[in-house]
Amino acid sequence: MIFQYEAIVALGANLGNLWQTLRWAVDQLALLPQTQLQEVSGAFQTAPQEVNEPQPDYLNAAVLLHTQLGPYELLELTQTIEQQAGRIRQRWHGSRTLDLDLICMTKMDFTCGVKTAIIENNLPKLALPHPRAHARAFVLAPVCEIAPTCVLNAGLSAAHWSALAQDQPVRRIANL
């Protein structure tokens, strides 16, 4: 099958059995219709960011998917996976059993071998690339393992932004 899109999904969890949850989420993403799992990053431990109350550390990872699903279809299915994992959206940046964020997508054109970044700003429920991914080492570290050239803020790559986020502590734990 020739896939129309390439997508990067970031995974994070800080409640429950983090390893089991992230491995389960990777399996669920691999089972999405018209989708093929291409790459899985390692697992990274990070402290909570942008929070007002104490929280446990997060376990973060990222996956690269090839898919026929459009951005909104993929978003809807990732939110369903979050709900199946017990995700309850109570507070902005609150602890969570599972967080799946669509970080970036590219449209693949096999007639000329070009990938074009999908830029969707100010749309309801979706912004691509993810509007804060470029400033978060806990997203950038796993993304750079699987797709360092993916386009983020200002048309610059994840690798570019990662070099600027070296002051944020991120620790690679192991392969996921």
Foldseek 3Di string as FASTA:
>chain_A
DAFFKKWKKKKKAQDDPQVVLVVVLLVQQCPDPQKHWDDKFFWKWAAQPPDDDHGGIMIMIMTMMGGNDDPVRVVVSSVVSQVVQVFDPDDVSDHGGMDMDTQWMWTADVVVGDTHTDADPPDPPDGPNPQCLLQDLSNLVNCCVPPQQGAHPPRGGSVVSNVVNVVGDMGGDGGD
